[in-house]
Amino acid sequence: MIKKISNFKFQISNGYSLIELLVVLMVFSVLTVLVVQSLSLSLKGSRKSENITQVRENTEYAMNVMDRLLKGAKSVTSCTGTQIIYFDNYDFETQFDCLYTVPYGTKGYIASGSGAMRVRLTSSSVYIDCTTNPVFTCPAPIPGVPPLVEISIDGRDANSTGEEGASVTSRTRILLRVY
């Protein structure tokens, strides 16, 4: 014969316990922090890459202009660390300068021109260091070798600092044509 148990009730839980909710919340919090940090690092790396590209483009543009014009120069009359004066192929006295922006002192730019007129070759979003190393160097002439001009430009992004800051050094040696 089968006996019936009368006061036995089987209960099914219809919710989650507080511990289960806290564990799920903690897991999602950790995942959120990891995703936010990886996105932040990715964005910083992207901005630094863009800043390096901008500084490199500016310094390379200035280098290419100086290279093209100095290769066609008839002679170099003066060469200091921040200025080079030369006669171009039309016999005009022209120069390249590393000039300081007045309010900032050590933050400079590359300019080209003749007389009192100067044309800026690097943008205002890039600073050129005119103080640490000489920008222009003209070694002593060697008999039988065309005159040589060495240019070294240290540029950095003017609008960023820290991890996103970008600096680029460009160097070249230019042999002048002999007329």
Foldseek 3Di string as FASTA:
>chain_A
DDDDDDPDDDDDDDDDDPVVVVVVVVVVVVVVVVVVVVVVVVVLVVLLVVFQVLFVVLVVQVVVVCQVFQQQFQAWDDWDLFKTWTQGVVRAIKMKGFDDDPVPPQFTFIWIGHDPDTDTSGDPQKTWGSPPGRQWDWDDDDPPFATKIKGKTWMWGNPDDDSSIYIDIDIDMHGHDHD
